[in-house]
Each structure stands twice: as structure tokens, then as C-alpha cells.
């Protein structure tokens, strides 16, 4: 007898406010979106949202495995750079740096990075369609 597993589902609703911006909503959260053709500095544009989603996926993946691996850390920072290609418009490449403030040995850092790459939903969605590369290293996290 096979057990049927319920799949996770996600819902986001975005509403155009005017020619300068929109708002995305999910659960009890709201985020301003830069949908202005001229751009705006006080909101994430779609490409930046993709990179933010990727960084959140990495941090959430770390949070998920820290208790399983009994991994000790003081903080995590993710830095991401994306390069957009014009024709056709797409993210051509994404490079990330995950900085973990920890005293764990290097082999445990490698294991943590392997888990981030292997089990991240957004990571595994983005990876096949872009050149996705990066490192996980030890360092102090800046606030």
C-alpha cells in the first residue's frame, strides 16, 4: 500500500497600485514591489525578488538542517549577484556567497553547503535555467 503525501501549495496575490508600484500579499504579510518602468529605490524589482527568494531559500535550508546535523552557528549572511541577459530577457548567471559564523570544522561546512544545494526548493527551481554557482565559507556576519 502506497501512502499519498500532500504537496505543499503557496499562494501570492499582487495588486497594481499605480504606474510606480504594486503590492504582493500572502498570509498576513505584504511587500512593496518595484513595477515602475523607471525603477524605484524603496522596493524590490522582480529580478531582486528572485534573488531575495533564493537567499531566503538558502537560509531556510540552513535553519532546517541545523538541528538535524547538530550544527552550531551564530549567524548566516547570504550575498547574491545576478547578471541579466537582454535577449531573451533572463537571469544569465547568479553567484552567491553564504557566510556562516561558526566554529564547526570545514568538513561540516561542506556538508551544510551540500544540504543547501540539494534540498532547496527555490535553489532547485533556479539551478536548471541559469548558471548558478557559489561558495559557503566561514566568517563573521555583519548586521
C-alpha atoms as a PDB file:
ATOM      1  CA  UNK A   1       0.000   0.000   0.000  1.00  0.00           C
ATOM      2  CA  UNK A   2       1.445   3.373  -1.012  1.00  0.00           C
ATOM      3  CA  UNK A   3       0.998   6.397   1.152  1.00  0.00           C
ATOM      4  CA  UNK A   4      -0.179   9.566  -0.581  1.00  0.00           C
ATOM      5  CA  UNK A   5       1.751  12.615   0.521  1.00  0.00           C
ATOM      6  CA  UNK A   6       0.071  16.003   0.418  1.00  0.00           C
ATOM      7  CA  UNK A   7       2.013  18.527  -1.617  1.00  0.00           C
ATOM      8  CA  UNK A   8       2.738  21.967  -0.242  1.00  0.00           C
ATOM      9  CA  UNK A   9       0.995  24.796  -2.026  1.00  0.00           C
ATOM     10  CA  UNK A  10       1.688  28.518  -1.981  1.00  0.00           C
ATOM     11  CA  UNK A  11      -0.465  31.489  -2.890  1.00  0.00           C
ATOM     12  CA  UNK A  12       0.608  35.080  -3.523  1.00  0.00           C
ATOM     13  CA  UNK A  13      -1.656  37.885  -4.718  1.00  0.00           C
ATOM     14  CA  UNK A  14      -0.168  41.011  -6.316  1.00  0.00           C
ATOM     15  CA  UNK A  15      -2.098  44.201  -6.978  1.00  0.00           C
ATOM     16  CA  UNK A  16      -1.027  47.159  -9.114  1.00  0.00           C
ATOM     17  CA  UNK A  17      -1.273  50.309  -7.027  1.00  0.00           C
ATOM     18  CA  UNK A  18      -0.326  52.753  -9.794  1.00  0.00           C
ATOM     19  CA  UNK A  19       2.267  53.174 -12.551  1.00  0.00           C
ATOM     20  CA  UNK A  20       5.005  53.313  -9.912  1.00  0.00           C
ATOM     21  CA  UNK A  21       4.392  50.253  -7.807  1.00  0.00           C
ATOM     22  CA  UNK A  22       2.443  47.232  -6.766  1.00  0.00           C
ATOM     23  CA  UNK A  23       1.967  45.213  -3.619  1.00  0.00           C
ATOM     24  CA  UNK A  24       2.281  41.461  -3.101  1.00  0.00           C
ATOM     25  CA  UNK A  25       0.336  39.771  -0.321  1.00  0.00           C
ATOM     26  CA  UNK A  26       0.492  36.347   1.251  1.00  0.00           C
ATOM     27  CA  UNK A  27      -0.706  35.142   4.621  1.00  0.00           C
ATOM     28  CA  UNK A  28      -0.516  38.236   6.860  1.00  0.00           C
ATOM     29  CA  UNK A  29       2.451  39.745   5.011  1.00  0.00           C
ATOM     30  CA  UNK A  30       2.722  42.493   2.423  1.00  0.00           C
ATOM     31  CA  UNK A  31       5.688  43.660   0.372  1.00  0.00           C
ATOM     32  CA  UNK A  32       6.010  46.680  -1.900  1.00  0.00           C
ATOM     33  CA  UNK A  33       7.086  45.811  -5.442  1.00  0.00           C
ATOM     34  CA  UNK A  34       9.051  47.984  -7.846  1.00  0.00           C
ATOM     35  CA  UNK A  35       6.963  47.722 -11.016  1.00  0.00           C
ATOM     36  CA  UNK A  36       7.808  51.267 -12.173  1.00  0.00           C
ATOM     37  CA  UNK A  37       9.467  51.281 -15.612  1.00  0.00           C
ATOM     38  CA  UNK A  38      11.878  53.943 -14.321  1.00  0.00           C
ATOM     39  CA  UNK A  39      12.612  51.835 -11.219  1.00  0.00           C
ATOM     40  CA  UNK A  40      12.410  52.852  -7.589  1.00  0.00           C
ATOM     41  CA  UNK A  41      14.863  52.556  -4.743  1.00  0.00           C
ATOM     42  CA  UNK A  42      12.376  51.738  -1.974  1.00  0.00           C
ATOM     43  CA  UNK A  43      11.131  48.382  -3.305  1.00  0.00           C
ATOM     44  CA  UNK A  44      12.449  45.151  -4.826  1.00  0.00           C
ATOM     45  CA  UNK A  45      12.103  44.781  -8.593  1.00  0.00           C
ATOM     46  CA  UNK A  46      11.226  41.332  -9.997  1.00  0.00           C
ATOM     47  CA  UNK A  47      14.873  40.269 -10.523  1.00  0.00           C
ATOM     48  CA  UNK A  48      15.783  41.365  -6.985  1.00  0.00           C
ATOM     49  CA  UNK A  49      12.778  39.458  -5.632  1.00  0.00           C
ATOM     50  CA  UNK A  50      14.064  36.321  -7.359  1.00  0.00           C
ATOM     51  CA  UNK A  51      17.487  36.780  -5.757  1.00  0.00           C
ATOM     52  CA  UNK A  52      15.866  37.505  -2.374  1.00  0.00           C
ATOM     53  CA  UNK A  53      13.776  34.336  -2.707  1.00  0.00           C
ATOM     54  CA  UNK A  54      16.921  32.364  -3.472  1.00  0.00           C
ATOM     55  CA  UNK A  55      18.738  33.797  -0.447  1.00  0.00           C
ATOM     56  CA  UNK A  56      15.731  33.122   1.802  1.00  0.00           C
ATOM     57  CA  UNK A  57      15.652  29.552   0.488  1.00  0.00           C
ATOM     58  CA  UNK A  58      19.300  29.096   1.410  1.00  0.00           C
ATOM     59  CA  UNK A  59      18.840  30.481   4.919  1.00  0.00           C
ATOM     60  CA  UNK A  60      15.683  28.436   5.472  1.00  0.00           C
ATOM     61  CA  UNK A  61      17.512  25.322   4.296  1.00  0.00           C
ATOM     62  CA  UNK A  62      20.239  26.013   6.822  1.00  0.00           C
ATOM     63  CA  UNK A  63      17.633  26.523   9.567  1.00  0.00           C
ATOM     64  CA  UNK A  64      16.073  23.187   8.609  1.00  0.00           C
ATOM     65  CA  UNK A  65      19.272  21.140   8.862  1.00  0.00           C
ATOM     66  CA  UNK A  66      20.991  22.876  11.817  1.00  0.00           C
ATOM     67  CA  UNK A  67      19.071  20.831  14.417  1.00  0.00           C
ATOM     68  CA  UNK A  68      19.389  17.604  12.410  1.00  0.00           C
ATOM     69  CA  UNK A  69      23.157  17.977  11.997  1.00  0.00           C
ATOM     70  CA  UNK A  70      23.535  19.464  15.497  1.00  0.00           C
ATOM     71  CA  UNK A  71      25.392  22.284  13.749  1.00  0.00           C
ATOM     72  CA  UNK A  72      26.326  25.258  15.906  1.00  0.00           C
ATOM     73  CA  UNK A  73      26.290  28.735  14.386  1.00  0.00           C
ATOM     74  CA  UNK A  74      25.983  32.347  15.500  1.00  0.00           C
ATOM     75  CA  UNK A  75      24.722  33.837  12.249  1.00  0.00           C
ATOM     76  CA  UNK A  76      24.296  33.479   8.488  1.00  0.00           C
ATOM     77  CA  UNK A  77      24.587  36.037   5.703  1.00  0.00           C
ATOM     78  CA  UNK A  78      23.894  35.441   2.009  1.00  0.00           C
ATOM     79  CA  UNK A  79      25.239  37.738  -0.699  1.00  0.00           C
ATOM     80  CA  UNK A  80      23.965  37.249  -4.239  1.00  0.00           C
ATOM     81  CA  UNK A  81      24.900  38.845  -7.555  1.00  0.00           C
ATOM     82  CA  UNK A  82      22.826  38.249 -10.655  1.00  0.00           C
ATOM     83  CA  UNK A  83      23.584  39.078 -14.275  1.00  0.00           C
ATOM     84  CA  UNK A  84      20.622  39.739 -16.577  1.00  0.00           C
ATOM     85  CA  UNK A  85      20.799  38.966 -20.272  1.00  0.00           C
ATOM     86  CA  UNK A  86      18.730  41.236 -22.532  1.00  0.00           C
ATOM     87  CA  UNK A  87      17.682  38.909 -25.390  1.00  0.00           C
ATOM     88  CA  UNK A  88      15.808  36.890 -24.407  1.00  0.00           C
ATOM     89  CA  UNK A  89      15.432  38.565 -21.008  1.00  0.00           C
ATOM     90  CA  UNK A  90      16.505  36.152 -18.287  1.00  0.00           C
ATOM     91  CA  UNK A  91      18.954  35.739 -15.450  1.00  0.00           C
ATOM     92  CA  UNK A  92      22.076  34.567 -17.243  1.00  0.00           C
ATOM     93  CA  UNK A  93      24.088  33.842 -14.135  1.00  0.00           C
ATOM     94  CA  UNK A  94      23.781  34.005 -10.367  1.00  0.00           C
ATOM     95  CA  UNK A  95      26.728  33.839  -7.992  1.00  0.00           C
ATOM     96  CA  UNK A  96      26.232  33.524  -4.239  1.00  0.00           C
ATOM     97  CA  UNK A  97      28.346  33.637  -1.123  1.00  0.00           C
ATOM     98  CA  UNK A  98      26.972  32.131   2.078  1.00  0.00           C
ATOM     99  CA  UNK A  99      28.853  33.311   5.146  1.00  0.00           C
ATOM    100  CA  UNK A 100      28.397  31.246   8.308  1.00  0.00           C
ATOM    101  CA  UNK A 101      29.636  32.467  11.665  1.00  0.00           C
ATOM    102  CA  UNK A 102      30.625  29.175  13.275  1.00  0.00           C
ATOM    103  CA  UNK A 103      33.435  27.222  14.916  1.00  0.00           C
ATOM    104  CA  UNK A 104      32.426  23.992  13.132  1.00  0.00           C
ATOM    105  CA  UNK A 105      35.179  22.210  11.124  1.00  0.00           C
ATOM    106  CA  UNK A 106      35.478  22.699   7.348  1.00  0.00           C
ATOM    107  CA  UNK A 107      34.041  19.264   6.531  1.00  0.00           C
ATOM    108  CA  UNK A 108      30.853  20.246   8.414  1.00  0.00           C
ATOM    109  CA  UNK A 109      30.669  23.490   6.411  1.00  0.00           C
ATOM    110  CA  UNK A 110      30.917  21.384   3.234  1.00  0.00           C
ATOM    111  CA  UNK A 111      28.076  19.175   4.492  1.00  0.00           C
ATOM    112  CA  UNK A 112      25.949  22.253   5.226  1.00  0.00           C
ATOM    113  CA  UNK A 113      26.581  23.602   1.713  1.00  0.00           C
ATOM    114  CA  UNK A 114      25.705  20.237   0.186  1.00  0.00           C
ATOM    115  CA  UNK A 115      22.364  20.310   2.022  1.00  0.00           C
ATOM    116  CA  UNK A 116      21.634  23.856   0.800  1.00  0.00           C
ATOM    117  CA  UNK A 117      22.265  22.817  -2.811  1.00  0.00           C
ATOM    118  CA  UNK A 118      20.434  19.516  -2.607  1.00  0.00           C
ATOM    119  CA  UNK A 119      17.237  20.358  -0.700  1.00  0.00           C
ATOM    120  CA  UNK A 120      16.344  23.975  -1.523  1.00  0.00           C
ATOM    121  CA  UNK A 121      13.069  24.382  -3.402  1.00  0.00           C
ATOM    122  CA  UNK A 122      13.932  27.734  -4.969  1.00  0.00           C
ATOM    123  CA  UNK A 123      17.572  26.683  -5.467  1.00  0.00           C
ATOM    124  CA  UNK A 124      16.477  23.592  -7.408  1.00  0.00           C
ATOM    125  CA  UNK A 125      13.967  25.613  -9.430  1.00  0.00           C
ATOM    126  CA  UNK A 126      16.510  28.248 -10.462  1.00  0.00           C
ATOM    127  CA  UNK A 127      19.541  25.972 -10.982  1.00  0.00           C
ATOM    128  CA  UNK A 128      18.485  24.234 -14.230  1.00  0.00           C
ATOM    129  CA  UNK A 129      17.727  27.517 -16.016  1.00  0.00           C
ATOM    130  CA  UNK A 130      20.748  29.614 -15.084  1.00  0.00           C
ATOM    131  CA  UNK A 131      24.435  29.376 -14.354  1.00  0.00           C
ATOM    132  CA  UNK A 132      24.195  29.105 -10.551  1.00  0.00           C
ATOM    133  CA  UNK A 133      27.436  28.966  -8.592  1.00  0.00           C
ATOM    134  CA  UNK A 134      28.715  29.933  -5.217  1.00  0.00           C
ATOM    135  CA  UNK A 135      30.538  29.179  -2.026  1.00  0.00           C
ATOM    136  CA  UNK A 136      29.753  28.645   1.613  1.00  0.00           C
ATOM    137  CA  UNK A 137      32.502  29.951   3.873  1.00  0.00           C
ATOM    138  CA  UNK A 138      33.248  30.725   7.472  1.00  0.00           C
ATOM    139  CA  UNK A 139      33.198  34.385   8.510  1.00  0.00           C
ATOM    140  CA  UNK A 140      31.653  36.966  10.756  1.00  0.00           C
ATOM    141  CA  UNK A 141      28.180  38.135   9.841  1.00  0.00           C
ATOM    142  CA  UNK A 142      27.567  41.854   9.519  1.00  0.00           C
ATOM    143  CA  UNK A 143      24.285  43.328  10.691  1.00  0.00           C
END
